[in-house]
N, C-alpha and C. Protein backbone atom coordinates (compact mmCIF):
# COMPACT_ATOMS: atom_id res chain seq x y z
N MET A 1 2.36 -0.48 -29.34
CA MET A 1 3.50 -0.58 -28.44
C MET A 1 3.40 0.53 -27.41
N SER A 2 3.71 0.24 -26.15
CA SER A 2 3.62 1.25 -25.10
C SER A 2 4.96 1.96 -24.94
N SER A 3 4.86 3.19 -24.44
CA SER A 3 6.07 3.96 -24.21
C SER A 3 6.74 3.46 -22.93
N PRO A 4 8.05 3.71 -22.76
CA PRO A 4 8.73 3.24 -21.56
C PRO A 4 8.23 3.93 -20.30
N ASP A 5 7.59 5.11 -20.43
CA ASP A 5 7.09 5.83 -19.27
C ASP A 5 5.71 5.34 -18.84
N GLN A 6 5.06 4.55 -19.66
CA GLN A 6 3.72 4.07 -19.36
C GLN A 6 3.81 2.82 -18.50
N ASP A 7 2.94 2.72 -17.50
CA ASP A 7 2.90 1.53 -16.67
C ASP A 7 2.46 0.36 -17.55
N PRO A 8 3.19 -0.75 -17.54
CA PRO A 8 2.84 -1.87 -18.41
C PRO A 8 1.47 -2.46 -18.11
N ARG A 9 0.93 -2.18 -16.93
CA ARG A 9 -0.38 -2.72 -16.58
C ARG A 9 -1.51 -1.78 -16.98
N ALA A 10 -1.21 -0.70 -17.69
CA ALA A 10 -2.24 0.28 -18.06
C ALA A 10 -3.39 -0.38 -18.81
N ALA A 11 -3.09 -1.36 -19.62
CA ALA A 11 -4.12 -2.03 -20.41
C ALA A 11 -5.03 -2.89 -19.53
N ASP A 12 -4.64 -3.14 -18.29
CA ASP A 12 -5.40 -4.00 -17.41
C ASP A 12 -6.44 -3.26 -16.56
N LEU A 13 -6.64 -1.97 -16.81
CA LEU A 13 -7.57 -1.21 -15.99
C LEU A 13 -8.99 -1.76 -16.15
N PRO A 14 -9.61 -2.17 -15.04
CA PRO A 14 -10.95 -2.73 -15.13
C PRO A 14 -11.96 -1.74 -15.71
N GLU A 15 -11.82 -0.45 -15.37
CA GLU A 15 -12.78 0.53 -15.85
C GLU A 15 -12.29 1.32 -17.05
N GLY A 16 -11.17 0.92 -17.63
CA GLY A 16 -10.62 1.63 -18.78
C GLY A 16 -9.91 2.90 -18.34
N GLY A 17 -9.50 3.70 -19.29
CA GLY A 17 -8.81 4.94 -18.98
C GLY A 17 -7.32 4.74 -18.82
N GLU A 18 -6.69 5.70 -18.18
CA GLU A 18 -5.25 5.67 -17.97
C GLU A 18 -4.93 5.57 -16.50
N VAL A 19 -3.82 4.93 -16.18
CA VAL A 19 -3.39 4.86 -14.78
C VAL A 19 -3.09 6.27 -14.30
N ILE A 20 -3.37 6.53 -13.02
CA ILE A 20 -3.21 7.88 -12.49
C ILE A 20 -1.85 8.13 -11.88
N ALA A 21 -1.02 7.11 -11.83
CA ALA A 21 0.34 7.26 -11.30
C ALA A 21 1.19 6.15 -11.89
N HIS A 22 2.49 6.29 -11.76
CA HIS A 22 3.43 5.30 -12.26
C HIS A 22 4.04 4.63 -11.03
N ILE A 23 3.76 3.36 -10.85
CA ILE A 23 4.16 2.64 -9.64
C ILE A 23 5.65 2.79 -9.32
N PRO A 24 6.56 2.58 -10.27
CA PRO A 24 7.99 2.75 -9.92
C PRO A 24 8.33 4.17 -9.44
N ASP A 25 7.67 5.18 -9.99
CA ASP A 25 7.92 6.55 -9.54
C ASP A 25 7.46 6.74 -8.10
N GLU A 26 6.28 6.20 -7.78
CA GLU A 26 5.75 6.35 -6.42
C GLU A 26 6.57 5.54 -5.42
N GLU A 27 7.05 4.38 -5.84
CA GLU A 27 7.93 3.60 -4.96
C GLU A 27 9.22 4.35 -4.71
N ALA A 28 9.76 4.99 -5.73
CA ALA A 28 10.98 5.79 -5.55
C ALA A 28 10.71 6.97 -4.61
N ALA A 29 9.55 7.59 -4.74
CA ALA A 29 9.18 8.71 -3.86
C ALA A 29 9.06 8.23 -2.42
N LEU A 30 8.51 7.04 -2.22
CA LEU A 30 8.40 6.49 -0.86
C LEU A 30 9.77 6.19 -0.27
N ARG A 31 10.66 5.68 -1.10
CA ARG A 31 12.03 5.43 -0.62
C ARG A 31 12.72 6.74 -0.24
N ALA A 32 12.51 7.78 -1.04
CA ALA A 32 13.08 9.10 -0.73
C ALA A 32 12.48 9.63 0.57
N PHE A 33 11.18 9.41 0.77
CA PHE A 33 10.50 9.81 2.00
C PHE A 33 11.10 9.09 3.21
N ALA A 34 11.26 7.78 3.09
CA ALA A 34 11.82 6.99 4.19
C ALA A 34 13.24 7.45 4.52
N LYS A 35 14.01 7.74 3.49
CA LYS A 35 15.38 8.22 3.71
C LYS A 35 15.38 9.57 4.41
N ALA A 36 14.48 10.46 3.97
CA ALA A 36 14.40 11.79 4.58
C ALA A 36 14.01 11.67 6.06
N VAL A 37 13.05 10.80 6.37
CA VAL A 37 12.63 10.61 7.76
C VAL A 37 13.77 10.02 8.57
N SER A 38 14.49 9.06 8.01
CA SER A 38 15.57 8.41 8.75
C SER A 38 16.73 9.36 9.05
N GLU A 39 16.85 10.42 8.27
CA GLU A 39 17.94 11.38 8.46
C GLU A 39 17.61 12.47 9.48
N ILE A 40 16.37 12.50 9.97
CA ILE A 40 15.98 13.49 10.98
C ILE A 40 16.49 12.99 12.33
N PRO A 41 17.25 13.82 13.02
CA PRO A 41 17.77 13.39 14.32
C PRO A 41 16.64 13.02 15.30
N GLU A 42 16.90 12.00 16.11
CA GLU A 42 15.94 11.54 17.11
C GLU A 42 15.50 12.71 17.98
N GLY A 43 14.19 12.80 18.20
CA GLY A 43 13.66 13.86 19.05
C GLY A 43 13.26 15.12 18.30
N GLU A 44 13.73 15.28 17.07
CA GLU A 44 13.34 16.46 16.28
C GLU A 44 12.04 16.15 15.55
N PRO A 45 11.17 17.17 15.41
CA PRO A 45 9.91 16.93 14.70
C PRO A 45 10.14 16.72 13.20
N ILE A 46 9.25 15.96 12.62
CA ILE A 46 9.31 15.74 11.17
C ILE A 46 8.69 16.96 10.51
N PRO A 47 9.41 17.63 9.61
CA PRO A 47 8.87 18.82 8.94
C PRO A 47 7.61 18.49 8.12
N ASP A 48 6.71 19.46 8.07
CA ASP A 48 5.45 19.29 7.34
C ASP A 48 5.69 18.87 5.89
N GLU A 49 6.70 19.43 5.25
CA GLU A 49 6.97 19.12 3.85
C GLU A 49 7.30 17.64 3.65
N ILE A 50 7.98 17.05 4.62
CA ILE A 50 8.31 15.63 4.52
C ILE A 50 7.06 14.79 4.72
N VAL A 51 6.19 15.19 5.65
CA VAL A 51 4.91 14.49 5.84
C VAL A 51 4.10 14.56 4.55
N GLN A 52 4.06 15.74 3.93
CA GLN A 52 3.34 15.91 2.66
C GLN A 52 3.92 15.01 1.57
N GLN A 53 5.23 14.92 1.51
CA GLN A 53 5.90 14.07 0.53
C GLN A 53 5.45 12.61 0.70
N GLY A 54 5.41 12.14 1.93
CA GLY A 54 5.00 10.76 2.19
C GLY A 54 3.52 10.53 1.88
N LEU A 55 2.67 11.47 2.30
CA LEU A 55 1.23 11.33 2.02
C LEU A 55 0.95 11.30 0.52
N THR A 56 1.66 12.15 -0.21
CA THR A 56 1.46 12.20 -1.66
C THR A 56 1.83 10.87 -2.30
N ALA A 57 3.00 10.36 -1.99
CA ALA A 57 3.44 9.10 -2.59
C ALA A 57 2.56 7.93 -2.16
N LEU A 58 2.21 7.87 -0.88
CA LEU A 58 1.37 6.77 -0.41
C LEU A 58 -0.02 6.82 -1.04
N THR A 59 -0.59 8.00 -1.14
CA THR A 59 -1.92 8.15 -1.74
C THR A 59 -1.90 7.74 -3.20
N ARG A 60 -0.92 8.24 -3.94
CA ARG A 60 -0.83 7.91 -5.36
C ARG A 60 -0.58 6.42 -5.58
N LEU A 61 0.29 5.82 -4.76
CA LEU A 61 0.58 4.40 -4.91
C LEU A 61 -0.64 3.55 -4.58
N TYR A 62 -1.31 3.85 -3.47
CA TYR A 62 -2.51 3.09 -3.10
C TYR A 62 -3.57 3.24 -4.19
N ALA A 63 -3.77 4.47 -4.67
CA ALA A 63 -4.81 4.72 -5.67
C ALA A 63 -4.54 4.00 -6.98
N VAL A 64 -3.31 4.01 -7.45
CA VAL A 64 -3.03 3.33 -8.72
C VAL A 64 -3.17 1.83 -8.57
N LYS A 65 -2.76 1.27 -7.43
CA LYS A 65 -2.94 -0.17 -7.21
C LYS A 65 -4.43 -0.52 -7.16
N PHE A 66 -5.22 0.33 -6.50
CA PHE A 66 -6.67 0.13 -6.46
C PHE A 66 -7.24 0.20 -7.87
N GLN A 67 -6.78 1.20 -8.62
CA GLN A 67 -7.25 1.39 -9.99
C GLN A 67 -6.92 0.16 -10.86
N LEU A 68 -5.82 -0.49 -10.58
CA LEU A 68 -5.41 -1.66 -11.35
C LEU A 68 -6.05 -2.95 -10.86
N GLY A 69 -6.97 -2.83 -9.89
CA GLY A 69 -7.72 -3.99 -9.44
C GLY A 69 -7.30 -4.57 -8.11
N GLU A 70 -6.27 -4.03 -7.48
CA GLU A 70 -5.85 -4.52 -6.17
C GLU A 70 -6.75 -3.90 -5.11
N ARG A 71 -7.54 -4.71 -4.47
CA ARG A 71 -8.50 -4.22 -3.48
C ARG A 71 -8.12 -4.75 -2.11
N TRP A 72 -7.41 -3.96 -1.34
CA TRP A 72 -7.04 -4.32 0.02
C TRP A 72 -7.25 -3.10 0.91
N GLU A 73 -7.47 -3.36 2.18
CA GLU A 73 -7.73 -2.29 3.14
C GLU A 73 -6.50 -1.39 3.27
N PRO A 74 -6.71 -0.08 3.44
CA PRO A 74 -5.56 0.82 3.55
C PRO A 74 -4.80 0.71 4.87
N PHE A 75 -5.43 0.14 5.90
CA PHE A 75 -4.79 0.02 7.21
C PHE A 75 -4.72 -1.44 7.60
N THR A 76 -3.66 -1.81 8.31
CA THR A 76 -3.55 -3.19 8.80
C THR A 76 -4.51 -3.38 9.97
N GLU A 77 -4.84 -4.64 10.24
CA GLU A 77 -5.75 -4.92 11.36
C GLU A 77 -5.15 -4.48 12.69
N SER A 78 -3.83 -4.50 12.78
CA SER A 78 -3.17 -4.14 14.04
C SER A 78 -2.97 -2.63 14.19
N SER A 79 -3.31 -1.86 13.15
CA SER A 79 -3.15 -0.40 13.21
C SER A 79 -4.52 0.26 13.27
N LEU A 80 -4.96 0.56 14.47
CA LEU A 80 -6.25 1.19 14.64
C LEU A 80 -6.17 2.66 14.23
N VAL A 81 -7.01 3.06 13.30
CA VAL A 81 -7.12 4.45 12.90
C VAL A 81 -8.52 4.91 13.30
N PRO A 82 -8.61 5.83 14.25
CA PRO A 82 -9.93 6.30 14.67
C PRO A 82 -10.69 6.93 13.51
N ALA A 83 -12.01 6.77 13.53
CA ALA A 83 -12.85 7.34 12.48
C ALA A 83 -12.62 8.84 12.34
N THR A 84 -12.44 9.53 13.46
CA THR A 84 -12.20 10.98 13.41
C THR A 84 -10.93 11.29 12.64
N ALA A 85 -9.89 10.51 12.87
CA ALA A 85 -8.62 10.74 12.15
C ALA A 85 -8.82 10.52 10.65
N ALA A 86 -9.55 9.46 10.29
CA ALA A 86 -9.80 9.20 8.87
C ALA A 86 -10.62 10.33 8.25
N MET A 87 -11.62 10.83 8.98
CA MET A 87 -12.45 11.91 8.45
C MET A 87 -11.66 13.21 8.30
N ILE A 88 -10.78 13.49 9.25
CA ILE A 88 -9.93 14.68 9.15
C ILE A 88 -9.06 14.59 7.91
N MET A 89 -8.43 13.42 7.71
CA MET A 89 -7.54 13.24 6.55
C MET A 89 -8.33 13.32 5.25
N CYS A 90 -9.47 12.64 5.19
CA CYS A 90 -10.29 12.68 3.97
C CYS A 90 -10.74 14.10 3.65
N THR A 91 -11.17 14.83 4.66
CA THR A 91 -11.62 16.20 4.45
C THR A 91 -10.48 17.07 3.93
N ALA A 92 -9.31 16.95 4.54
CA ALA A 92 -8.16 17.74 4.09
C ALA A 92 -7.77 17.39 2.66
N MET A 93 -7.79 16.09 2.33
CA MET A 93 -7.44 15.67 0.97
C MET A 93 -8.45 16.19 -0.04
N MET A 94 -9.73 16.10 0.29
CA MET A 94 -10.75 16.56 -0.64
C MET A 94 -10.68 18.08 -0.85
N ARG A 95 -10.41 18.81 0.22
CA ARG A 95 -10.23 20.26 0.08
C ARG A 95 -9.03 20.58 -0.81
N ALA A 96 -7.96 19.83 -0.63
CA ALA A 96 -6.73 20.10 -1.38
C ALA A 96 -6.92 19.93 -2.88
N VAL A 97 -7.83 19.04 -3.28
CA VAL A 97 -8.07 18.80 -4.71
C VAL A 97 -9.40 19.37 -5.17
N ASN A 98 -10.04 20.17 -4.29
CA ASN A 98 -11.27 20.88 -4.62
C ASN A 98 -12.40 19.92 -5.04
N VAL A 99 -12.64 18.91 -4.21
CA VAL A 99 -13.71 17.95 -4.44
C VAL A 99 -14.70 18.04 -3.28
N GLU A 100 -15.97 18.12 -3.58
CA GLU A 100 -17.02 18.17 -2.58
C GLU A 100 -17.49 16.76 -2.24
N VAL A 101 -18.09 16.59 -1.07
CA VAL A 101 -18.60 15.29 -0.65
C VAL A 101 -19.61 14.75 -1.66
N PHE A 102 -20.46 15.61 -2.20
CA PHE A 102 -21.44 15.19 -3.21
C PHE A 102 -20.73 14.57 -4.41
N GLU A 103 -19.65 15.20 -4.87
CA GLU A 103 -18.90 14.67 -6.01
C GLU A 103 -18.31 13.30 -5.69
N LEU A 104 -17.82 13.13 -4.47
CA LEU A 104 -17.29 11.84 -4.05
C LEU A 104 -18.38 10.78 -4.11
N GLY A 105 -19.56 11.11 -3.59
CA GLY A 105 -20.67 10.18 -3.62
C GLY A 105 -21.06 9.80 -5.03
N MET A 106 -21.09 10.77 -5.93
CA MET A 106 -21.42 10.49 -7.33
C MET A 106 -20.36 9.59 -7.96
N TRP A 107 -19.10 9.88 -7.71
CA TRP A 107 -18.01 9.06 -8.27
C TRP A 107 -18.11 7.64 -7.75
N GLN A 108 -18.39 7.48 -6.43
CA GLN A 108 -18.49 6.15 -5.87
C GLN A 108 -19.64 5.37 -6.51
N SER A 109 -20.75 6.02 -6.75
CA SER A 109 -21.88 5.31 -7.33
C SER A 109 -21.62 4.96 -8.81
N TRP A 110 -20.90 5.80 -9.53
CA TRP A 110 -20.61 5.53 -10.94
C TRP A 110 -19.50 4.50 -11.10
N SER A 111 -18.51 4.56 -10.22
CA SER A 111 -17.33 3.69 -10.40
C SER A 111 -17.47 2.34 -9.73
N GLY A 112 -18.37 2.25 -8.77
CA GLY A 112 -18.49 1.01 -8.01
C GLY A 112 -17.40 0.83 -6.97
N ALA A 113 -16.65 1.90 -6.71
CA ALA A 113 -15.55 1.84 -5.74
C ALA A 113 -16.07 1.72 -4.33
């Protein structure tokens, strides 16, 4: 029997292991992010902490859905993200979690991601 805190789809992981996030928690974090952004007066900059909150929830939600077998592009066809912007974000994320490009390459080859 699974605990109430465990994602019910944990047993469906194609590569085994445990889910890396809990979908309802990440959805709640995204709703909190959207609310925080909506409460910022028009014309005022969005504080870095709120941007971090959104990136964290979006990254965790996308990753857990990918881990559970949902394979869809992270950007819509109508939302052009320049390669430089993607590389900047990837580099910052990898630095934040202390992962080198070599480690990413090894993980990709082992996981088939």
